[in-house]
Protein backbone atom coordinates (compact mmCIF):
# COMPACT_ATOMS: atom_id res chain seq x y z
CA MET A 1 134.34 105.71 -42.83
CA LYS A 2 136.36 104.71 -45.41
CA GLU A 3 138.27 108.16 -45.16
CA LEU A 4 138.84 107.75 -41.35
CA VAL A 5 140.20 104.15 -41.72
CA GLU A 6 142.67 105.55 -44.58
CA TYR A 7 143.92 108.27 -42.04
CA ILE A 8 144.32 105.81 -39.22
CA ALA A 9 146.27 103.34 -41.09
CA ARG A 10 148.49 105.51 -43.31
CA ARG A 11 149.80 107.11 -40.13
CA LEU A 12 150.70 103.25 -38.54
CA VAL A 13 152.27 101.89 -41.66
CA GLY A 14 155.60 102.08 -42.96
CA ASN A 15 154.53 102.31 -46.40
CA PRO A 16 151.69 104.31 -46.84
CA ASP A 17 151.53 104.04 -50.61
CA GLU A 18 150.42 100.77 -49.96
CA VAL A 19 147.20 101.35 -48.07
CA ASN A 20 144.01 100.48 -49.63
CA VAL A 21 140.64 100.77 -47.86
CA SER A 22 137.14 99.88 -49.56
CA GLU A 23 133.70 99.94 -48.46
CA MET A 24 130.73 97.37 -49.31
CA GLU A 25 127.19 97.68 -47.83
CA GLN A 26 125.54 94.38 -46.96
CA ASP A 27 122.40 93.99 -44.87
CA GLN A 28 122.46 96.98 -42.73
CA ILE A 29 126.00 96.55 -41.99
CA LEU A 30 129.02 98.83 -43.92
CA ILE A 31 131.82 96.66 -44.51
CA VAL A 32 135.20 98.49 -44.58
CA LYS A 33 138.15 96.43 -45.79
CA LEU A 34 141.55 97.62 -45.21
CA LYS A 35 144.50 96.35 -47.42
CA VAL A 36 147.96 96.68 -46.44
CA GLY A 37 151.64 95.62 -47.39
CA LYS A 38 153.09 92.24 -46.32
CA ASP A 39 155.60 94.41 -43.92
CA ASP A 40 152.80 96.50 -42.14
CA ILE A 41 150.15 94.03 -41.27
CA GLY A 42 151.44 93.68 -38.03
CA LYS A 43 151.65 97.19 -37.42
CA VAL A 44 147.90 97.23 -38.20
CA ILE A 45 146.76 94.47 -36.10
CA GLY A 46 149.40 95.42 -33.24
CA LYS A 47 150.41 92.97 -30.39
CA GLN A 48 147.38 90.39 -29.31
CA GLY A 49 145.27 92.65 -31.56
CA ARG A 50 145.07 95.64 -29.55
CA THR A 51 145.58 98.08 -32.48
CA ALA A 52 143.26 96.51 -34.46
CA LYS A 53 140.56 96.38 -31.76
CA ALA A 54 141.27 100.25 -30.98
CA VAL A 55 140.35 101.15 -34.56
CA ARG A 56 137.55 98.85 -34.35
CA THR A 57 136.28 100.97 -31.17
CA ILE A 58 136.92 104.30 -33.07
CA LEU A 59 134.73 103.23 -36.24
CA ASN A 60 132.07 102.02 -33.69
CA THR A 61 131.81 105.05 -31.99
CA ALA A 62 132.06 107.22 -35.04
CA SER A 63 129.00 105.22 -36.52
CA ALA A 64 127.30 105.29 -33.24
CA LYS A 65 124.89 108.23 -34.46
CA GLY A 66 123.78 106.38 -37.62
CA GLU A 67 121.48 103.40 -37.69
CA GLN A 68 124.46 101.67 -39.68
CA LYS A 69 126.80 98.62 -37.92
CA VAL A 70 130.47 99.04 -39.08
CA LEU A 71 132.96 96.02 -39.61
CA LEU A 72 136.47 96.27 -40.43
CA GLU A 73 138.24 93.73 -42.20
CA ILE A 74 141.97 93.70 -42.62
CA ALA A 75 143.56 91.88 -45.39
CA GLU A 76 146.88 91.32 -46.82
């Protein structure tokens, strides 16, 4: 999942070198934390959160085969 989020985020932002993705597992939930530069946070979230919601939908679809739920956190 980390690679998928990183791939999507690098294509959305203006500074792809500032994209940092990390994963941690907690109680059957995979938490994917996405960090981008200050200038790019709006591009990742999108108007009214539409872009972030779309990325979360992609992650949930990709994890549907597994038993694990995926949670995306976007940090500055």
